[in-house]
Amino acid sequence: MALLPVVAFTSCSDDDKDNNESSILGRYYDVECPTDYIELQNGGKFVMFVADDKDGDYYAKGTYVYDAPNITLSSEEGVVRGKISGNTMTITEEGEEFMYVKR
């Protein structure tokens, strides 16, 4: 009987981690360009959309690894890193920060 609280606590802790990962899923829109977004999908996949009137719209697909609060996005174009806090994702690319907000 003494092990029961430990098992229950461990189970809840694992559930919390799963909830954190599932709570990040969805579209995060660029604060500067609200038509652009990064969509985090199930299975560690993402899609990025950038509207560009000059060169045409841009789509990228890839995978992500989320280790709260850090996220790493990998695609054919390369790897970018960021952080997620609440409904905000901040991506750092080539020394510049980009902010995305989940809606």
PDB file of N, CA and C in Angstrom:
ATOM      1  N   MET A   1       0.814  -1.192   0.000  1.00  0.00           N
ATOM      2  CA  MET A   1       0.000   0.000   0.000  1.00  0.00           C
ATOM      3  C   MET A   1       0.858   1.257   0.000  1.00  0.00           C
ATOM      4  N   ALA A   2       2.052   1.208   0.527  1.00  0.00           N
ATOM      5  CA  ALA A   2       2.890   2.405   0.582  1.00  0.00           C
ATOM      6  C   ALA A   2       3.325   2.849  -0.806  1.00  0.00           C
ATOM      7  N   LEU A   3       3.377   1.947  -1.782  1.00  0.00           N
ATOM      8  CA  LEU A   3       3.797   2.301  -3.141  1.00  0.00           C
ATOM      9  C   LEU A   3       2.684   2.948  -3.960  1.00  0.00           C
ATOM     10  N   LEU A   4       1.432   2.791  -3.555  1.00  0.00           N
ATOM     11  CA  LEU A   4       0.314   3.317  -4.320  1.00  0.00           C
ATOM     12  C   LEU A   4       0.409   4.822  -4.573  1.00  0.00           C
ATOM     13  N   PRO A   5       0.696   5.674  -3.585  1.00  0.00           N
ATOM     14  CA  PRO A   5       0.806   7.099  -3.870  1.00  0.00           C
ATOM     15  C   PRO A   5       1.934   7.419  -4.849  1.00  0.00           C
ATOM     16  N   VAL A   6       3.039   6.698  -4.791  1.00  0.00           N
ATOM     17  CA  VAL A   6       4.155   6.942  -5.702  1.00  0.00           C
ATOM     18  C   VAL A   6       3.756   6.592  -7.124  1.00  0.00           C
ATOM     19  N   VAL A   7       3.076   5.464  -7.310  1.00  0.00           N
ATOM     20  CA  VAL A   7       2.638   5.051  -8.643  1.00  0.00           C
ATOM     21  C   VAL A   7       1.643   6.062  -9.197  1.00  0.00           C
ATOM     22  N   ALA A   8       0.702   6.494  -8.387  1.00  0.00           N
ATOM     23  CA  ALA A   8      -0.286   7.471  -8.841  1.00  0.00           C
ATOM     24  C   ALA A   8       0.394   8.785  -9.202  1.00  0.00           C
ATOM     25  N   PHE A   9       1.362   9.224  -8.416  1.00  0.00           N
ATOM     26  CA  PHE A   9       2.063  10.469  -8.691  1.00  0.00           C
ATOM     27  C   PHE A   9       2.859  10.370  -9.984  1.00  0.00           C
ATOM     28  N   THR A  10       3.539   9.250 -10.185  1.00  0.00           N
ATOM     29  CA  THR A  10       4.314   9.049 -11.403  1.00  0.00           C
ATOM     30  C   THR A  10       3.397   9.063 -12.617  1.00  0.00           C
ATOM     31  N   SER A  11       2.249   8.425 -12.520  1.00  0.00           N
ATOM     32  CA  SER A  11       1.308   8.392 -13.623  1.00  0.00           C
ATOM     33  C   SER A  11       0.835   9.801 -13.963  1.00  0.00           C
ATOM     34  N   CYS A  12       0.487  10.589 -12.959  1.00  0.00           N
ATOM     35  CA  CYS A  12       0.034  11.955 -13.208  1.00  0.00           C
ATOM     36  C   CYS A  12       1.141  12.780 -13.847  1.00  0.00           C
ATOM     37  N   SER A  13       2.364  12.591 -13.392  1.00  0.00           N
ATOM     38  CA  SER A  13       3.480  13.338 -13.947  1.00  0.00           C
ATOM     39  C   SER A  13       3.644  13.044 -15.431  1.00  0.00           C
ATOM     40  N   ASP A  14       3.544  11.784 -15.833  1.00  0.00           N
ATOM     41  CA  ASP A  14       3.649  11.421 -17.245  1.00  0.00           C
ATOM     42  C   ASP A  14       2.491  12.009 -18.037  1.00  0.00           C
ATOM     43  N   ASP A  15       1.287  11.991 -17.458  1.00  0.00           N
ATOM     44  CA  ASP A  15       0.132  12.569 -18.131  1.00  0.00           C
ATOM     45  C   ASP A  15       0.342  14.060 -18.357  1.00  0.00           C
ATOM     46  N   ASP A  16       0.910  14.756 -17.381  1.00  0.00           N
ATOM     47  CA  ASP A  16       1.154  16.187 -17.505  1.00  0.00           C
ATOM     48  C   ASP A  16       2.078  16.480 -18.675  1.00  0.00           C
ATOM     49  N   LYS A  17       3.120  15.650 -18.852  1.00  0.00           N
ATOM     50  CA  LYS A  17       4.050  15.871 -19.959  1.00  0.00           C
ATOM     51  C   LYS A  17       3.314  15.727 -21.283  1.00  0.00           C
ATOM     52  N   ASP A  18       2.473  14.688 -21.408  1.00  0.00           N
ATOM     53  CA  ASP A  18       1.709  14.496 -22.638  1.00  0.00           C
ATOM     54  C   ASP A  18       0.786  15.676 -22.880  1.00  0.00           C
ATOM     55  N   ASN A  19       0.138  16.175 -21.831  1.00  0.00           N
ATOM     56  CA  ASN A  19      -0.753  17.314 -21.978  1.00  0.00           C
ATOM     57  C   ASN A  19       0.012  18.537 -22.438  1.00  0.00           C
ATOM     58  N   ASN A  20       1.217  18.754 -21.926  1.00  0.00           N
ATOM     59  CA  ASN A  20       2.008  19.898 -22.354  1.00  0.00           C
ATOM     60  C   ASN A  20       2.329  19.807 -23.833  1.00  0.00           C
ATOM     61  N   GLU A  21       2.707  18.634 -24.305  1.00  0.00           N
ATOM     62  CA  GLU A  21       3.044  18.468 -25.714  1.00  0.00           C
ATOM     63  C   GLU A  21       1.817  18.659 -26.599  1.00  0.00           C
ATOM     64  N   SER A  22       0.693  18.108 -26.195  1.00  0.00           N
ATOM     65  CA  SER A  22      -0.509  18.256 -27.022  1.00  0.00           C
ATOM     66  C   SER A  22      -1.043  19.679 -26.980  1.00  0.00           C
ATOM     67  N   SER A  23      -0.771  20.416 -25.915  1.00  0.00           N
ATOM     68  CA  SER A  23      -1.276  21.785 -25.818  1.00  0.00           C
ATOM     69  C   SER A  23      -0.539  22.755 -26.737  1.00  0.00           C
ATOM     70  N   ILE A  24       0.604  22.359 -27.274  1.00  0.00           N
ATOM     71  CA  ILE A  24       1.330  23.248 -28.183  1.00  0.00           C
ATOM     72  C   ILE A  24       0.842  23.114 -29.620  1.00  0.00           C
ATOM     73  N   LEU A  25       0.053  22.103 -29.934  1.00  0.00           N
ATOM     74  CA  LEU A  25      -0.398  21.874 -31.300  1.00  0.00           C
ATOM     75  C   LEU A  25      -1.291  23.012 -31.774  1.00  0.00           C
ATOM     76  N   GLY A  26      -1.188  23.344 -33.059  1.00  0.00           N
ATOM     77  CA  GLY A  26      -2.024  24.381 -33.645  1.00  0.00           C
ATOM     78  C   GLY A  26      -1.200  25.372 -34.442  1.00  0.00           C
ATOM     79  N   ARG A  27      -1.855  26.432 -34.893  1.00  0.00           N
ATOM     80  CA  ARG A  27      -1.197  27.450 -35.718  1.00  0.00           C
ATOM     81  C   ARG A  27      -0.734  28.635 -34.881  1.00  0.00           C
ATOM     82  N   TYR A  28       0.510  28.996 -35.116  1.00  0.00           N
ATOM     83  CA  TYR A  28       1.117  30.169 -34.498  1.00  0.00           C
ATOM     84  C   TYR A  28       1.355  31.181 -35.622  1.00  0.00           C
ATOM     85  N   TYR A  29       0.730  32.355 -35.506  1.00  0.00           N
ATOM     86  CA  TYR A  29       0.812  33.365 -36.549  1.00  0.00           C
ATOM     87  C   TYR A  29       1.898  34.375 -36.235  1.00  0.00           C
ATOM     88  N   ASP A  30       2.627  34.769 -37.269  1.00  0.00           N
ATOM     89  CA  ASP A  30       3.699  35.753 -37.158  1.00  0.00           C
ATOM     90  C   ASP A  30       3.103  37.096 -36.730  1.00  0.00           C
ATOM     91  N   VAL A  31       3.661  37.704 -35.695  1.00  0.00           N
ATOM     92  CA  VAL A  31       3.166  38.978 -35.185  1.00  0.00           C
ATOM     93  C   VAL A  31       3.363  40.088 -36.221  1.00  0.00           C
ATOM     94  N   GLU A  32       4.475  40.055 -36.948  1.00  0.00           N
ATOM     95  CA  GLU A  32       4.790  41.083 -37.943  1.00  0.00           C
ATOM     96  C   GLU A  32       4.003  40.900 -39.244  1.00  0.00           C
ATOM     97  N   CYS A  33       3.770  39.667 -39.646  1.00  0.00           N
ATOM     98  CA  CYS A  33       3.066  39.337 -40.898  1.00  0.00           C
ATOM     99  C   CYS A  33       1.974  38.333 -40.572  1.00  0.00           C
ATOM    100  N   PRO A  34       0.778  38.796 -40.200  1.00  0.00           N
ATOM    101  CA  PRO A  34      -0.255  37.896 -39.667  1.00  0.00           C
ATOM    102  C   PRO A  34      -0.800  36.840 -40.623  1.00  0.00           C
ATOM    103  N   THR A  35      -0.423  36.876 -41.916  1.00  0.00           N
ATOM    104  CA  THR A  35      -0.847  35.803 -42.819  1.00  0.00           C
ATOM    105  C   THR A  35       0.124  34.630 -42.775  1.00  0.00           C
ATOM    106  N   ASP A  36       1.322  34.854 -42.245  1.00  0.00           N
ATOM    107  CA  ASP A  36       2.347  33.805 -42.148  1.00  0.00           C
ATOM    108  C   ASP A  36       2.137  33.009 -40.862  1.00  0.00           C
ATOM    109  N   TYR A  37       2.385  31.722 -40.936  1.00  0.00           N
ATOM    110  CA  TYR A  37       2.204  30.905 -39.737  1.00  0.00           C
ATOM    111  C   TYR A  37       3.105  29.679 -39.746  1.00  0.00           C
ATOM    112  N   ILE A  38       3.240  29.101 -38.552  1.00  0.00           N
ATOM    113  CA  ILE A  38       3.845  27.792 -38.353  1.00  0.00           C
ATOM    114  C   ILE A  38       2.776  26.948 -37.665  1.00  0.00           C
ATOM    115  N   GLU A  39       2.461  25.818 -38.256  1.00  0.00           N
ATOM    116  CA  GLU A  39       1.462  24.927 -37.668  1.00  0.00           C
ATOM    117  C   GLU A  39       2.150  23.679 -37.133  1.00  0.00           C
ATOM    118  N   LEU A  40       2.051  23.472 -35.829  1.00  0.00           N
ATOM    119  CA  LEU A  40       2.591  22.275 -35.193  1.00  0.00           C
ATOM    120  C   LEU A  40       1.516  21.197 -35.225  1.00  0.00           C
ATOM    121  N   GLN A  41       1.874  20.035 -35.764  1.00  0.00           N
ATOM    122  CA  GLN A  41       0.919  18.950 -35.944  1.00  0.00           C
ATOM    123  C   GLN A  41       1.307  17.740 -35.109  1.00  0.00           C
ATOM    124  N   ASN A  42       0.364  16.813 -34.994  1.00  0.00           N
ATOM    125  CA  ASN A  42       0.632  15.548 -34.300  1.00  0.00           C
ATOM    126  C   ASN A  42       1.803  14.830 -34.949  1.00  0.00           C
ATOM    127  N   GLY A  43       2.470  14.008 -34.173  1.00  0.00           N
ATOM    128  CA  GLY A  43       3.551  13.181 -34.705  1.00  0.00           C
ATOM    129  C   GLY A  43       4.844  13.934 -34.934  1.00  0.00           C
ATOM    130  N   GLY A  44       4.980  15.118 -34.319  1.00  0.00           N
ATOM    131  CA  GLY A  44       6.229  15.863 -34.446  1.00  0.00           C
ATOM    132  C   GLY A  44       6.442  16.488 -35.812  1.00  0.00           C
ATOM    133  N   LYS A  45       5.363  16.799 -36.531  1.00  0.00           N
ATOM    134  CA  LYS A  45       5.472  17.412 -37.851  1.00  0.00           C
ATOM    135  C   LYS A  45       5.016  18.865 -37.800  1.00  0.00           C
ATOM    136  N   PHE A  46       5.557  19.674 -38.716  1.00  0.00           N
ATOM    137  CA  PHE A  46       5.104  21.054 -38.825  1.00  0.00           C
ATOM    138  C   PHE A  46       5.002  21.468 -40.283  1.00  0.00           C
ATOM    139  N   VAL A  47       4.202  22.525 -40.507  1.00  0.00           N
ATOM    140  CA  VAL A  47       4.062  23.161 -41.810  1.00  0.00           C
ATOM    141  C   VAL A  47       4.259  24.649 -41.584  1.00  0.00           C
ATOM    142  N   MET A  48       5.028  25.284 -42.465  1.00  0.00           N
ATOM    143  CA  MET A  48       5.221  26.729 -42.396  1.00  0.00           C
ATOM    144  C   MET A  48       4.675  27.334 -43.687  1.00  0.00           C
ATOM    145  N   PHE A  49       3.952  28.458 -43.562  1.00  0.00           N
ATOM    146  CA  PHE A  49       3.436  29.175 -44.713  1.00  0.00           C
ATOM    147  C   PHE A  49       3.877  30.628 -44.625  1.00  0.00           C
ATOM    148  N   VAL A  50       4.437  31.133 -45.726  1.00  0.00           N
ATOM    149  CA  VAL A  50       4.850  32.532 -45.817  1.00  0.00           C
ATOM    150  C   VAL A  50       4.252  33.091 -47.107  1.00  0.00           C
ATOM    151  N   ALA A  51       3.402  34.118 -46.966  1.00  0.00           N
ATOM    152  CA  ALA A  51       2.813  34.771 -48.143  1.00  0.00           C
ATOM    153  C   ALA A  51       3.808  35.780 -48.678  1.00  0.00           C
ATOM    154  N   ASP A  52       4.060  35.715 -49.988  1.00  0.00           N
ATOM    155  CA  ASP A  52       5.011  36.638 -50.603  1.00  0.00           C
ATOM    156  C   ASP A  52       4.497  37.019 -51.986  1.00  0.00           C
ATOM    157  N   ASP A  53       4.066  38.271 -52.127  1.00  0.00           N
ATOM    158  CA  ASP A  53       3.508  38.728 -53.395  1.00  0.00           C
ATOM    159  C   ASP A  53       4.552  38.763 -54.505  1.00  0.00           C
ATOM    160  N   LYS A  54       5.795  39.072 -54.167  1.00  0.00           N
ATOM    161  CA  LYS A  54       6.853  39.176 -55.178  1.00  0.00           C
ATOM    162  C   LYS A  54       7.284  37.819 -55.714  1.00  0.00           C
ATOM    163  N   ASP A  55       7.675  36.931 -54.816  1.00  0.00           N
ATOM    164  CA  ASP A  55       8.269  35.653 -55.213  1.00  0.00           C
ATOM    165  C   ASP A  55       7.293  34.482 -55.166  1.00  0.00           C
ATOM    166  N   GLY A  56       6.080  34.723 -54.767  1.00  0.00           N
ATOM    167  CA  GLY A  56       5.110  33.638 -54.631  1.00  0.00           C
ATOM    168  C   GLY A  56       5.109  33.092 -53.214  1.00  0.00           C
ATOM    169  N   ASP A  57       4.014  32.459 -52.854  1.00  0.00           N
ATOM    170  CA  ASP A  57       3.882  31.909 -51.504  1.00  0.00           C
ATOM    171  C   ASP A  57       4.890  30.786 -51.289  1.00  0.00           C
ATOM    172  N   TYR A  58       5.261  30.608 -50.026  1.00  0.00           N
ATOM    173  CA  TYR A  58       6.292  29.645 -49.661  1.00  0.00           C
ATOM    174  C   TYR A  58       5.739  28.690 -48.612  1.00  0.00           C
ATOM    175  N   TYR A  59       5.892  27.403 -48.864  1.00  0.00           N
ATOM    176  CA  TYR A  59       5.528  26.370 -47.899  1.00  0.00           C
ATOM    177  C   TYR A  59       6.773  25.576 -47.542  1.00  0.00           C
ATOM    178  N   ALA A  60       6.877  25.210 -46.291  1.00  0.00           N
ATOM    179  CA  ALA A  60       7.941  24.303 -45.865  1.00  0.00           C
ATOM    180  C   ALA A  60       7.304  23.271 -44.951  1.00  0.00           C
ATOM    181  N   LYS A  61       7.789  22.067 -45.035  1.00  0.00           N
ATOM    182  CA  LYS A  61       7.341  20.984 -44.155  1.00  0.00           C
ATOM    183  C   LYS A  61       8.568  20.407 -43.485  1.00  0.00           C
ATOM    184  N   GLY A  62       8.356  19.925 -42.277  1.00  0.00           N
ATOM    185  CA  GLY A  62       9.463  19.309 -41.569  1.00  0.00           C
ATOM    186  C   GLY A  62       9.001  18.665 -40.286  1.00  0.00           C
ATOM    187  N   THR A  63       9.957  18.458 -39.410  1.00  0.00           N
ATOM    188  CA  THR A  63       9.674  17.841 -38.115  1.00  0.00           C
ATOM    189  C   THR A  63      10.127  18.782 -37.006  1.00  0.00           C
ATOM    190  N   TYR A  64       9.561  18.567 -35.833  1.00  0.00           N
ATOM    191  CA  TYR A  64       9.984  19.338 -34.669  1.00  0.00           C
ATOM    192  C   TYR A  64      10.202  18.417 -33.486  1.00  0.00           C
ATOM    193  N   VAL A  65      11.052  18.887 -32.591  1.00  0.00           N
ATOM    194  CA  VAL A  65      11.273  18.216 -31.314  1.00  0.00           C
ATOM    195  C   VAL A  65      10.975  19.244 -30.233  1.00  0.00           C
ATOM    196  N   TYR A  66      10.079  18.892 -29.323  1.00  0.00           N
ATOM    197  CA  TYR A  66       9.690  19.791 -28.243  1.00  0.00           C
ATOM    198  C   TYR A  66      10.172  19.229 -26.925  1.00  0.00           C
ATOM    199  N   ASP A  67      11.034  19.970 -26.260  1.00  0.00           N
ATOM    200  CA  ASP A  67      11.532  19.642 -24.931  1.00  0.00           C
ATOM    201  C   ASP A  67      11.301  20.895 -24.100  1.00  0.00           C
ATOM    202  N   ALA A  68      10.097  20.992 -23.537  1.00  0.00           N
ATOM    203  CA  ALA A  68       9.610  22.220 -22.893  1.00  0.00           C
ATOM    204  C   ALA A  68      10.695  22.947 -22.115  1.00  0.00           C
ATOM    205  N   PRO A  69      10.829  24.223 -22.362  1.00  0.00           N
ATOM    206  CA  PRO A  69      10.079  25.084 -23.277  1.00  0.00           C
ATOM    207  C   PRO A  69      10.711  25.191 -24.660  1.00  0.00           C
ATOM    208  N   ASN A  70      11.756  24.425 -24.923  1.00  0.00           N
ATOM    209  CA  ASN A  70      12.515  24.559 -26.172  1.00  0.00           C
ATOM    210  C   ASN A  70      11.895  23.751 -27.305  1.00  0.00           C
ATOM    211  N   ILE A  71      11.969  24.318 -28.508  1.00  0.00           N
ATOM    212  CA  ILE A  71      11.501  23.628 -29.701  1.00  0.00           C
ATOM    213  C   ILE A  71      12.562  23.765 -30.785  1.00  0.00           C
ATOM    214  N   THR A  72      12.773  22.683 -31.523  1.00  0.00           N
ATOM    215  CA  THR A  72      13.705  22.676 -32.649  1.00  0.00           C
ATOM    216  C   THR A  72      12.931  22.244 -33.884  1.00  0.00           C
ATOM    217  N   LEU A  73      12.938  23.085 -34.920  1.00  0.00           N
ATOM    218  CA  LEU A  73      12.242  22.815 -36.176  1.00  0.00           C
ATOM    219  C   LEU A  73      13.272  22.464 -37.237  1.00  0.00           C
ATOM    220  N   SER A  74      13.089  21.321 -37.892  1.00  0.00           N
ATOM    221  CA  SER A  74      14.037  20.867 -38.915  1.00  0.00           C
ATOM    222  C   SER A  74      13.302  20.634 -40.227  1.00  0.00           C
ATOM    223  N   SER A  75      13.877  21.175 -41.318  1.00  0.00           N
ATOM    224  CA  SER A  75      13.325  20.957 -42.650  1.00  0.00           C
ATOM    225  C   SER A  75      14.484  20.879 -43.631  1.00  0.00           C
ATOM    226  N   GLU A  76      14.169  20.741 -44.912  1.00  0.00           N
ATOM    227  CA  GLU A  76      15.219  20.707 -45.931  1.00  0.00           C
ATOM    228  C   GLU A  76      16.042  21.997 -45.931  1.00  0.00           C
ATOM    229  N   GLU A  77      15.416  23.108 -45.524  1.00  0.00           N
ATOM    230  CA  GLU A  77      16.089  24.403 -45.516  1.00  0.00           C
ATOM    231  C   GLU A  77      17.049  24.572 -44.347  1.00  0.00           C
ATOM    232  N   GLY A  78      16.931  23.727 -43.331  1.00  0.00           N
ATOM    233  CA  GLY A  78      17.823  23.821 -42.187  1.00  0.00           C
ATOM    234  C   GLY A  78      17.105  23.630 -40.869  1.00  0.00           C
ATOM    235  N   VAL A  79      17.764  24.065 -39.808  1.00  0.00           N
ATOM    236  CA  VAL A  79      17.268  23.890 -38.450  1.00  0.00           C
ATOM    237  C   VAL A  79      17.167  25.262 -37.784  1.00  0.00           C
ATOM    238  N   VAL A  80      16.029  25.504 -37.122  1.00  0.00           N
ATOM    239  CA  VAL A  80      15.872  26.709 -36.311  1.00  0.00           C
ATOM    240  C   VAL A  80      15.411  26.287 -34.924  1.00  0.00           C
ATOM    241  N   ARG A  81      15.762  27.104 -33.960  1.00  0.00           N
ATOM    242  CA  ARG A  81      15.426  26.812 -32.567  1.00  0.00           C
ATOM    243  C   ARG A  81      14.582  27.942 -31.989  1.00  0.00           C
ATOM    244  N   GLY A  82      13.804  27.586 -30.981  1.00  0.00           N
ATOM    245  CA  GLY A  82      12.968  28.588 -30.340  1.00  0.00           C
ATOM    246  C   GLY A  82      12.478  28.109 -28.992  1.00  0.00           C
ATOM    247  N   LYS A  83      11.531  28.880 -28.461  1.00  0.00           N
ATOM    248  CA  LYS A  83      10.920  28.561 -27.168  1.00  0.00           C
ATOM    249  C   LYS A  83       9.429  28.821 -27.262  1.00  0.00           C
ATOM    250  N   ILE A  84       8.684  28.032 -26.503  1.00  0.00           N
ATOM    251  CA  ILE A  84       7.243  28.226 -26.410  1.00  0.00           C
ATOM    252  C   ILE A  84       6.916  28.557 -24.959  1.00  0.00           C
ATOM    253  N   SER A  85       6.162  29.647 -24.801  1.00  0.00           N
ATOM    254  CA  SER A  85       5.694  30.066 -23.481  1.00  0.00           C
ATOM    255  C   SER A  85       4.229  30.437 -23.615  1.00  0.00           C
ATOM    256  N   GLY A  86       3.356  29.623 -23.041  1.00  0.00           N
ATOM    257  CA  GLY A  86       1.921  29.867 -23.178  1.00  0.00           C
ATOM    258  C   GLY A  86       1.513  29.737 -24.629  1.00  0.00           C
ATOM    259  N   ASN A  87       0.926  30.811 -25.184  1.00  0.00           N
ATOM    260  CA  ASN A  87       0.497  30.774 -26.584  1.00  0.00           C
ATOM    261  C   ASN A  87       1.471  31.513 -27.508  1.00  0.00           C
ATOM    262  N   THR A  88       2.699  31.726 -27.037  1.00  0.00           N
ATOM    263  CA  THR A  88       3.704  32.451 -27.814  1.00  0.00           C
ATOM    264  C   THR A  88       4.895  31.554 -28.130  1.00  0.00           C
ATOM    265  N   MET A  89       5.306  31.572 -29.403  1.00  0.00           N
ATOM    266  CA  MET A  89       6.505  30.866 -29.828  1.00  0.00           C
ATOM    267  C   MET A  89       7.479  31.914 -30.363  1.00  0.00           C
ATOM    268  N   THR A  90       8.699  31.891 -29.854  1.00  0.00           N
ATOM    269  CA  THR A  90       9.744  32.785 -30.325  1.00  0.00           C
ATOM    270  C   THR A  90      10.804  31.941 -31.015  1.00  0.00           C
ATOM    271  N   ILE A  91      11.057  32.248 -32.285  1.00  0.00           N
ATOM    272  CA  ILE A  91      12.035  31.526 -33.091  1.00  0.00           C
ATOM    273  C   ILE A  91      13.244  32.433 -33.300  1.00  0.00           C
ATOM    274  N   THR A  92      14.431  31.880 -33.122  1.00  0.00           N
ATOM    275  CA  THR A  92      15.661  32.623 -33.392  1.00  0.00           C
ATOM    276  C   THR A  92      16.304  32.029 -34.632  1.00  0.00           C
ATOM    277  N   GLU A  93      16.501  32.898 -35.625  1.00  0.00           N
ATOM    278  CA  GLU A  93      17.097  32.460 -36.880  1.00  0.00           C
ATOM    279  C   GLU A  93      18.111  33.504 -37.327  1.00  0.00           C
ATOM    280  N   GLU A  94      19.347  33.063 -37.495  1.00  0.00           N
ATOM    281  CA  GLU A  94      20.450  33.935 -37.906  1.00  0.00           C
ATOM    282  C   GLU A  94      20.546  35.174 -37.007  1.00  0.00           C
ATOM    283  N   GLY A  95      20.399  34.957 -35.702  1.00  0.00           N
ATOM    284  CA  GLY A  95      20.546  36.017 -34.718  1.00  0.00           C
ATOM    285  C   GLY A  95      19.349  36.941 -34.580  1.00  0.00           C
ATOM    286  N   GLU A  96      18.299  36.712 -35.351  1.00  0.00           N
ATOM    287  CA  GLU A  96      17.105  37.546 -35.299  1.00  0.00           C
ATOM    288  C   GLU A  96      15.959  36.745 -34.688  1.00  0.00           C
ATOM    289  N   GLU A  97      15.157  37.406 -33.836  1.00  0.00           N
ATOM    290  CA  GLU A  97      14.015  36.745 -33.198  1.00  0.00           C
ATOM    291  C   GLU A  97      12.725  37.071 -33.922  1.00  0.00           C
ATOM    292  N   PHE A  98      11.898  36.042 -34.082  1.00  0.00           N
ATOM    293  CA  PHE A  98      10.584  36.187 -34.685  1.00  0.00           C
ATOM    294  C   PHE A  98       9.551  35.669 -33.697  1.00  0.00           C
ATOM    295  N   MET A  99       8.486  36.428 -33.481  1.00  0.00           N
ATOM    296  CA  MET A  99       7.459  36.036 -32.518  1.00  0.00           C
ATOM    297  C   MET A  99       6.204  35.583 -33.239  1.00  0.00           C
ATOM    298  N   TYR A 100       5.677  34.456 -32.796  1.00  0.00           N
ATOM    299  CA  TYR A 100       4.446  33.879 -33.326  1.00  0.00           C
ATOM    300  C   TYR A 100       3.479  33.704 -32.171  1.00  0.00           C
ATOM    301  N   VAL A 101       2.177  33.955 -32.430  1.00  0.00           N
ATOM    302  CA  VAL A 101       1.160  33.823 -31.401  1.00  0.00           C
ATOM    303  C   VAL A 101       0.094  32.834 -31.880  1.00  0.00           C
ATOM    304  N   LYS A 102      -0.240  31.915 -31.008  1.00  0.00           N
ATOM    305  CA  LYS A 102      -1.257  30.892 -31.310  1.00  0.00           C
ATOM    306  C   LYS A 102      -2.641  31.520 -31.225  1.00  0.00           C
ATOM    307  N   ARG A 103      -3.434  31.308 -32.261  1.00  0.00           N
ATOM    308  CA  ARG A 103      -4.823  31.824 -32.260  1.00  0.00           C
ATOM    309  C   ARG A 103      -5.785  30.690 -32.460  1.00  0.00           C
TER     310      ARG A 103
END
